[in-house]
Amino acid sequence: MISKLSTYCLICLFCLSAVAPALADERGADIVDRLQNKFENLKTLSARFVRKHYWQIMDQKSEIDGHLYVQRPKRFRFETKGQIVVTDGETAWNYAPANEQVLISDYNTVEKDKSYEKLLFDLILLGGYAESYSPTYVSDAKTDGKNCYIVELTALLEDTYIHRIRLWIDKRMWVVRQVKYYSLHDDITTFELSNLEIDKEISEDKFSFQIPNNVEEIDLR
């Protein structure tokens, strides 16, 4: 026969198991709210980044590095050795030196972009993914020597291609130091940000593009 004490302990354990996830969800939501408030007041951001991609079906990994520049509300530049993507908020340029081509489009086209780079810019420009994901606090950790909160975002719709996102949020600066995207196919893309500069002046020419000589222009507008 189960004693009253054992029954009481079981009830307590059940209650704790129910309360702990709720507290984690509440804390995660609070952290994301503070992150969004920070981004809403942000004017500019620049950083060096490393993007790591794991393609699960082929068991392949790739890694590139570069720089990004953001000026709210909708200007950004993404630059690596193999690609430059720039928008001034009205026109967008996508230049691939190896192809000797530059694609020119309206900003509206960029807004519909589903690339991981655009997801990262959405995080900075829009302040998060609150309308599409539910946050849960995971733990505290360090990345690039900085103390961070780890928050996991789970898609509200089951068939969302990026069904899970994990954020490393700097406790002092309230910016994202690292973000990891998990797809429905178990592919994983990670951005690690360093040399972060917040609200420092960024040269205007970072948000325009001078087309090099002997490069084919493909105007999609």
C-alpha atoms as a PDB file:
ATOM      1  CA  MET A   1       0.000   0.000   0.000  1.00  0.00           C
ATOM      2  CA  ILE A   2       1.295   3.455  -0.886  1.00  0.00           C
ATOM      3  CA  SER A   3       1.775   5.618   2.189  1.00  0.00           C
ATOM      4  CA  LYS A   4       0.328   9.103   2.492  1.00  0.00           C
ATOM      5  CA  LEU A   5       3.879  10.498   2.381  1.00  0.00           C
ATOM      6  CA  SER A   6       4.612   8.684  -0.880  1.00  0.00           C
ATOM      7  CA  THR A   7       1.359   9.918  -2.358  1.00  0.00           C
ATOM      8  CA  TYR A   8       2.189  13.484  -1.298  1.00  0.00           C
ATOM      9  CA  CYS A   9       5.660  13.221  -2.867  1.00  0.00           C
ATOM     10  CA  LEU A  10       4.177  11.933  -6.133  1.00  0.00           C
ATOM     11  CA  ILE A  11       1.718  14.839  -6.217  1.00  0.00           C
ATOM     12  CA  CYS A  12       4.554  17.313  -5.588  1.00  0.00           C
ATOM     13  CA  LEU A  13       6.651  15.791  -8.357  1.00  0.00           C
ATOM     14  CA  PHE A  14       3.697  15.969 -10.742  1.00  0.00           C
ATOM     15  CA  CYS A  15       3.078  19.605  -9.863  1.00  0.00           C
ATOM     16  CA  LEU A  16       6.742  20.502 -10.295  1.00  0.00           C
ATOM     17  CA  SER A  17       6.888  18.742 -13.657  1.00  0.00           C
ATOM     18  CA  ALA A  18       3.882  20.771 -14.790  1.00  0.00           C
ATOM     19  CA  VAL A  19       5.123  24.085 -13.374  1.00  0.00           C
ATOM     20  CA  ALA A  20       8.744  23.907 -14.627  1.00  0.00           C
ATOM     21  CA  PRO A  21       7.898  24.045 -18.367  1.00  0.00           C
ATOM     22  CA  ALA A  22       5.440  26.862 -17.716  1.00  0.00           C
ATOM     23  CA  LEU A  23       8.119  28.858 -15.900  1.00  0.00           C
ATOM     24  CA  ALA A  24      10.589  28.164 -18.716  1.00  0.00           C
ATOM     25  CA  ASP A  25       8.024  29.366 -21.269  1.00  0.00           C
ATOM     26  CA  GLU A  26       7.326  32.505 -19.216  1.00  0.00           C
ATOM     27  CA  ARG A  27      11.007  33.286 -18.812  1.00  0.00           C
ATOM     28  CA  GLY A  28      11.671  32.615 -22.488  1.00  0.00           C
ATOM     29  CA  ALA A  29       8.868  34.987 -23.477  1.00  0.00           C
ATOM     30  CA  ASP A  30      10.227  37.666 -21.142  1.00  0.00           C
ATOM     31  CA  ILE A  31      13.749  37.364 -22.611  1.00  0.00           C
ATOM     32  CA  VAL A  32      12.439  37.570 -26.183  1.00  0.00           C
ATOM     33  CA  ASP A  33      10.291  40.601 -25.256  1.00  0.00           C
ATOM     34  CA  ARG A  34      13.377  42.378 -23.929  1.00  0.00           C
ATOM     35  CA  LEU A  35      15.299  41.431 -27.076  1.00  0.00           C
ATOM     36  CA  GLN A  36      12.513  42.840 -29.250  1.00  0.00           C
ATOM     37  CA  ASN A  37      12.457  46.069 -27.236  1.00  0.00           C
ATOM     38  CA  LYS A  38      16.201  46.406 -27.804  1.00  0.00           C
ATOM     39  CA  PHE A  39      15.869  45.861 -31.550  1.00  0.00           C
ATOM     40  CA  GLU A  40      12.958  48.291 -31.805  1.00  0.00           C
ATOM     41  CA  ASN A  41      15.270  51.056 -30.568  1.00  0.00           C
ATOM     42  CA  LEU A  42      18.253  49.913 -32.609  1.00  0.00           C
ATOM     43  CA  LYS A  43      19.467  52.213 -35.387  1.00  0.00           C
ATOM     44  CA  THR A  44      22.446  50.338 -36.854  1.00  0.00           C
ATOM     45  CA  LEU A  45      24.297  47.073 -36.336  1.00  0.00           C
ATOM     46  CA  SER A  46      27.430  45.676 -37.936  1.00  0.00           C
ATOM     47  CA  ALA A  47      29.240  42.412 -37.277  1.00  0.00           C
ATOM     48  CA  ARG A  48      31.523  39.762 -38.618  1.00  0.00           C
ATOM     49  CA  PHE A  49      29.781  36.415 -39.048  1.00  0.00           C
ATOM     50  CA  VAL A  50      30.552  32.767 -39.647  1.00  0.00           C
ATOM     51  CA  ARG A  51      27.814  30.698 -41.263  1.00  0.00           C
ATOM     52  CA  LYS A  52      27.965  26.933 -40.811  1.00  0.00           C
ATOM     53  CA  HIS A  53      25.581  24.647 -42.660  1.00  0.00           C
ATOM     54  CA  TYR A  54      25.000  20.922 -42.152  1.00  0.00           C
ATOM     55  CA  TRP A  55      23.143  19.150 -44.956  1.00  0.00           C
ATOM     56  CA  GLN A  56      21.744  16.069 -43.236  1.00  0.00           C
ATOM     57  CA  ILE A  57      20.713  13.931 -46.234  1.00  0.00           C
ATOM     58  CA  MET A  58      24.220  14.162 -47.748  1.00  0.00           C
ATOM     59  CA  ASP A  59      26.042  14.325 -44.411  1.00  0.00           C
ATOM     60  CA  GLN A  60      27.943  17.381 -45.694  1.00  0.00           C
ATOM     61  CA  LYS A  61      29.178  20.499 -43.934  1.00  0.00           C
ATOM     62  CA  SER A  62      30.106  23.910 -45.286  1.00  0.00           C
ATOM     63  CA  GLU A  63      31.366  27.129 -43.734  1.00  0.00           C
ATOM     64  CA  ILE A  64      31.719  30.703 -44.962  1.00  0.00           C
ATOM     65  CA  ASP A  65      32.532  33.979 -43.250  1.00  0.00           C
ATOM     66  CA  GLY A  66      31.820  37.583 -44.015  1.00  0.00           C
ATOM     67  CA  HIS A  67      30.380  40.843 -42.736  1.00  0.00           C
ATOM     68  CA  LEU A  68      26.882  42.206 -42.327  1.00  0.00           C
ATOM     69  CA  TYR A  69      25.638  45.759 -41.959  1.00  0.00           C
ATOM     70  CA  VAL A  70      22.120  46.741 -40.944  1.00  0.00           C
ATOM     71  CA  GLN A  71      20.377  50.085 -40.762  1.00  0.00           C
ATOM     72  CA  ARG A  72      16.780  50.005 -39.683  1.00  0.00           C
ATOM     73  CA  PRO A  73      14.121  50.014 -40.929  1.00  0.00           C
ATOM     74  CA  LYS A  74      15.084  48.111 -44.106  1.00  0.00           C
ATOM     75  CA  ARG A  75      18.641  48.670 -45.299  1.00  0.00           C
ATOM     76  CA  PHE A  76      21.262  45.938 -45.127  1.00  0.00           C
ATOM     77  CA  ARG A  77      24.395  44.519 -46.683  1.00  0.00           C
ATOM     78  CA  PHE A  78      25.583  40.897 -46.603  1.00  0.00           C
ATOM     79  CA  GLU A  79      29.096  40.371 -47.901  1.00  0.00           C
ATOM     80  CA  THR A  80      31.262  37.261 -48.430  1.00  0.00           C
ATOM     81  CA  LYS A  81      34.002  36.417 -50.926  1.00  0.00           C
ATOM     82  CA  GLY A  82      31.430  34.705 -53.148  1.00  0.00           C
ATOM     83  CA  GLN A  83      28.416  37.003 -52.861  1.00  0.00           C
ATOM     84  CA  ILE A  84      27.295  40.534 -52.046  1.00  0.00           C
ATOM     85  CA  VAL A  85      23.645  41.316 -51.298  1.00  0.00           C
ATOM     86  CA  VAL A  86      22.749  44.980 -50.752  1.00  0.00           C
ATOM     87  CA  THR A  87      19.547  46.963 -50.413  1.00  0.00           C
ATOM     88  CA  ASP A  88      18.971  50.663 -49.834  1.00  0.00           C
ATOM     89  CA  GLY A  89      15.360  49.985 -48.858  1.00  0.00           C
ATOM     90  CA  GLU A  90      14.040  50.449 -52.397  1.00  0.00           C
ATOM     91  CA  THR A  91      16.382  48.592 -54.755  1.00  0.00           C
ATOM     92  CA  ALA A  92      18.300  45.369 -54.112  1.00  0.00           C
ATOM     93  CA  TRP A  93      21.479  44.098 -55.769  1.00  0.00           C
ATOM     94  CA  ASN A  94      22.669  40.492 -55.659  1.00  0.00           C
ATOM     95  CA  TYR A  95      26.185  40.153 -57.062  1.00  0.00           C
ATOM     96  CA  ALA A  96      28.039  36.871 -57.605  1.00  0.00           C
ATOM     97  CA  PRO A  97      31.593  37.603 -58.844  1.00  0.00           C
ATOM     98  CA  ALA A  98      32.112  34.046 -60.105  1.00  0.00           C
ATOM     99  CA  ASN A  99      29.098  34.393 -62.440  1.00  0.00           C
ATOM    100  CA  GLU A 100      30.003  37.944 -63.453  1.00  0.00           C
ATOM    101  CA  GLN A 101      26.347  38.842 -62.975  1.00  0.00           C
ATOM    102  CA  VAL A 102      24.362  41.198 -60.802  1.00  0.00           C
ATOM    103  CA  LEU A 103      20.625  40.734 -60.260  1.00  0.00           C
ATOM    104  CA  ILE A 104      18.677  43.956 -59.656  1.00  0.00           C
ATOM    105  CA  SER A 105      15.228  43.823 -58.053  1.00  0.00           C
ATOM    106  CA  ASP A 106      12.761  45.817 -55.987  1.00  0.00           C
ATOM    107  CA  TYR A 107      12.921  45.611 -52.205  1.00  0.00           C
ATOM    108  CA  ASN A 108       9.520  43.874 -52.270  1.00  0.00           C
ATOM    109  CA  THR A 109      11.230  40.892 -53.882  1.00  0.00           C
ATOM    110  CA  VAL A 110      13.795  40.791 -51.081  1.00  0.00           C
ATOM    111  CA  GLU A 111      11.024  40.791 -48.468  1.00  0.00           C
ATOM    112  CA  LYS A 112       9.792  37.461 -49.884  1.00  0.00           C
ATOM    113  CA  ASP A 113      13.259  35.893 -49.787  1.00  0.00           C
ATOM    114  CA  LYS A 114      13.348  32.658 -47.743  1.00  0.00           C
ATOM    115  CA  SER A 115      17.136  32.361 -47.430  1.00  0.00           C
ATOM    116  CA  TYR A 116      18.826  31.915 -44.059  1.00  0.00           C
ATOM    117  CA  GLU A 117      20.518  35.281 -44.523  1.00  0.00           C
ATOM    118  CA  LYS A 118      17.120  36.972 -44.891  1.00  0.00           C
ATOM    119  CA  LEU A 119      15.907  35.145 -41.774  1.00  0.00           C
ATOM    120  CA  LEU A 120      18.859  36.590 -39.887  1.00  0.00           C
ATOM    121  CA  PHE A 121      18.127  40.107 -41.137  1.00  0.00           C
ATOM    122  CA  ASP A 122      14.465  39.672 -40.190  1.00  0.00           C
ATOM    123  CA  LEU A 123      15.595  38.826 -36.669  1.00  0.00           C
ATOM    124  CA  ILE A 124      17.559  42.086 -36.459  1.00  0.00           C
ATOM    125  CA  LEU A 125      15.237  44.342 -38.450  1.00  0.00           C
ATOM    126  CA  LEU A 126      11.967  43.062 -37.009  1.00  0.00           C
ATOM    127  CA  GLY A 127      13.191  42.126 -33.539  1.00  0.00           C
ATOM    128  CA  GLY A 128      12.301  38.440 -33.596  1.00  0.00           C
ATOM    129  CA  TYR A 129       9.751  35.934 -34.775  1.00  0.00           C
ATOM    130  CA  ALA A 130       7.099  36.348 -32.070  1.00  0.00           C
ATOM    131  CA  GLU A 131       4.154  35.976 -34.445  1.00  0.00           C
ATOM    132  CA  SER A 132       5.284  32.587 -35.769  1.00  0.00           C
ATOM    133  CA  TYR A 133       7.197  30.915 -32.923  1.00  0.00           C
ATOM    134  CA  SER A 134       6.718  30.097 -29.253  1.00  0.00           C
ATOM    135  CA  PRO A 135       9.765  30.798 -26.985  1.00  0.00           C
ATOM    136  CA  THR A 136      11.146  28.584 -24.212  1.00  0.00           C
ATOM    137  CA  TYR A 137      14.098  29.387 -21.946  1.00  0.00           C
ATOM    138  CA  VAL A 138      16.718  26.617 -22.156  1.00  0.00           C
ATOM    139  CA  SER A 139      19.737  27.632 -20.063  1.00  0.00           C
ATOM    140  CA  ASP A 140      22.542  30.131 -19.524  1.00  0.00           C
ATOM    141  CA  ALA A 141      25.770  29.664 -21.464  1.00  0.00           C
ATOM    142  CA  LYS A 142      28.809  31.443 -22.877  1.00  0.00           C
ATOM    143  CA  THR A 143      29.534  32.074 -26.538  1.00  0.00           C
ATOM    144  CA  ASP A 144      32.525  34.023 -27.808  1.00  0.00           C
ATOM    145  CA  GLY A 145      33.330  34.626 -24.121  1.00  0.00           C
ATOM    146  CA  LYS A 146      30.024  36.442 -23.519  1.00  0.00           C
ATOM    147  CA  ASN A 147      27.370  35.427 -20.995  1.00  0.00           C
ATOM    148  CA  CYS A 148      24.167  34.563 -22.824  1.00  0.00           C
ATOM    149  CA  TYR A 149      20.648  33.272 -22.390  1.00  0.00           C
ATOM    150  CA  ILE A 150      19.714  30.375 -24.640  1.00  0.00           C
ATOM    151  CA  VAL A 151      16.112  30.528 -25.842  1.00  0.00           C
ATOM    152  CA  GLU A 152      14.499  28.025 -28.175  1.00  0.00           C
ATOM    153  CA  LEU A 153      11.705  29.056 -30.524  1.00  0.00           C
ATOM    154  CA  THR A 154       9.285  26.388 -31.749  1.00  0.00           C
ATOM    155  CA  ALA A 155       7.116  27.009 -34.804  1.00  0.00           C
ATOM    156  CA  LEU A 156       3.407  27.422 -34.079  1.00  0.00           C
ATOM    157  CA  LEU A 157       2.534  25.591 -37.307  1.00  0.00           C
ATOM    158  CA  GLU A 158       3.828  22.016 -37.585  1.00  0.00           C
ATOM    159  CA  ASP A 159       4.652  22.220 -41.297  1.00  0.00           C
ATOM    160  CA  THR A 160       6.812  25.364 -40.962  1.00  0.00           C
ATOM    161  CA  TYR A 161      10.036  24.616 -42.849  1.00  0.00           C
ATOM    162  CA  ILE A 162      12.255  26.199 -40.170  1.00  0.00           C
ATOM    163  CA  HIS A 163      10.489  24.429 -37.341  1.00  0.00           C
ATOM    164  CA  ARG A 164      12.941  25.303 -34.574  1.00  0.00           C
ATOM    165  CA  ILE A 165      15.312  28.222 -33.857  1.00  0.00           C
ATOM    166  CA  ARG A 166      17.790  28.521 -30.998  1.00  0.00           C
ATOM    167  CA  LEU A 167      19.081  31.956 -29.935  1.00  0.00           C
ATOM    168  CA  TRP A 168      22.105  32.893 -27.815  1.00  0.00           C
ATOM    169  CA  ILE A 169      21.234  36.342 -26.430  1.00  0.00           C
ATOM    170  CA  ASP A 170      23.930  38.520 -24.862  1.00  0.00           C
ATOM    171  CA  LYS A 171      22.887  39.316 -21.281  1.00  0.00           C
ATOM    172  CA  ARG A 172      24.633  42.681 -21.224  1.00  0.00           C
ATOM    173  CA  MET A 173      24.068  44.052 -24.733  1.00  0.00           C
ATOM    174  CA  TRP A 174      20.732  42.343 -25.437  1.00  0.00           C
ATOM    175  CA  VAL A 175      21.675  41.304 -28.966  1.00  0.00           C
ATOM    176  CA  VAL A 176      21.899  37.894 -30.600  1.00  0.00           C
ATOM    177  CA  ARG A 177      25.401  36.425 -30.537  1.00  0.00           C
ATOM    178  CA  GLN A 178      24.487  33.162 -32.210  1.00  0.00           C
ATOM    179  CA  VAL A 179      21.427  31.722 -33.931  1.00  0.00           C
ATOM    180  CA  LYS A 180      20.814  28.158 -35.058  1.00  0.00           C
ATOM    181  CA  TYR A 181      18.065  27.177 -37.530  1.00  0.00           C
ATOM    182  CA  TYR A 182      16.683  23.614 -37.693  1.00  0.00           C
ATOM    183  CA  SER A 183      14.737  22.612 -40.811  1.00  0.00           C
ATOM    184  CA  LEU A 184      12.086  19.915 -41.212  1.00  0.00           C
ATOM    185  CA  HIS A 185      14.729  17.831 -43.019  1.00  0.00           C
ATOM    186  CA  ASP A 186      17.102  18.079 -40.034  1.00  0.00           C
ATOM    187  CA  ASP A 187      19.450  20.475 -41.854  1.00  0.00           C
ATOM    188  CA  ILE A 188      21.123  22.886 -39.428  1.00  0.00           C
ATOM    189  CA  THR A 189      22.368  26.386 -40.255  1.00  0.00           C
ATOM    190  CA  THR A 190      24.273  28.389 -37.649  1.00  0.00           C
ATOM    191  CA  PHE A 191      25.314  32.041 -37.656  1.00  0.00           C
ATOM    192  CA  GLU A 192      27.966  33.108 -35.147  1.00  0.00           C
ATOM    193  CA  LEU A 193      28.325  36.889 -34.774  1.00  0.00           C
ATOM    194  CA  SER A 194      31.402  38.688 -33.458  1.00  0.00           C
ATOM    195  CA  ASN A 195      32.888  42.212 -33.476  1.00  0.00           C
ATOM    196  CA  LEU A 196      29.383  43.531 -32.918  1.00  0.00           C
ATOM    197  CA  GLU A 197      28.919  47.291 -33.105  1.00  0.00           C
ATOM    198  CA  ILE A 198      25.583  48.819 -32.142  1.00  0.00           C
ATOM    199  CA  ASP A 199      24.352  52.264 -33.235  1.00  0.00           C
ATOM    200  CA  LYS A 200      27.700  53.242 -34.733  1.00  0.00           C
ATOM    201  CA  GLU A 201      27.622  55.309 -37.917  1.00  0.00           C
ATOM    202  CA  ILE A 202      27.816  53.194 -41.075  1.00  0.00           C
ATOM    203  CA  SER A 203      28.992  54.754 -44.339  1.00  0.00           C
ATOM    204  CA  GLU A 204      26.189  55.406 -46.834  1.00  0.00           C
ATOM    205  CA  ASP A 205      28.061  53.542 -49.564  1.00  0.00           C
ATOM    206  CA  LYS A 206      27.561  50.283 -47.657  1.00  0.00           C
ATOM    207  CA  PHE A 207      23.907  50.412 -48.685  1.00  0.00           C
ATOM    208  CA  SER A 208      24.428  51.045 -52.385  1.00  0.00           C
ATOM    209  CA  PHE A 209      26.225  49.080 -55.088  1.00  0.00           C
ATOM    210  CA  GLN A 210      28.492  50.237 -57.879  1.00  0.00           C
ATOM    211  CA  ILE A 211      28.302  47.675 -60.666  1.00  0.00           C
ATOM    212  CA  PRO A 212      31.810  46.653 -61.823  1.00  0.00           C
ATOM    213  CA  ASN A 213      32.807  46.894 -65.459  1.00  0.00           C
ATOM    214  CA  ASN A 214      32.208  43.858 -67.677  1.00  0.00           C
ATOM    215  CA  VAL A 215      29.495  42.509 -65.355  1.00  0.00           C
ATOM    216  CA  GLU A 216      26.153  41.491 -66.819  1.00  0.00           C
ATOM    217  CA  GLU A 217      23.161  43.346 -65.359  1.00  0.00           C
ATOM    218  CA  ILE A 218      19.914  41.380 -65.067  1.00  0.00           C
ATOM    219  CA  ASP A 219      17.126  43.787 -64.134  1.00  0.00           C
ATOM    220  CA  LEU A 220      14.142  41.961 -62.609  1.00  0.00           C
ATOM    221  CA  ARG A 221      12.121  45.065 -61.763  1.00  0.00           C
END
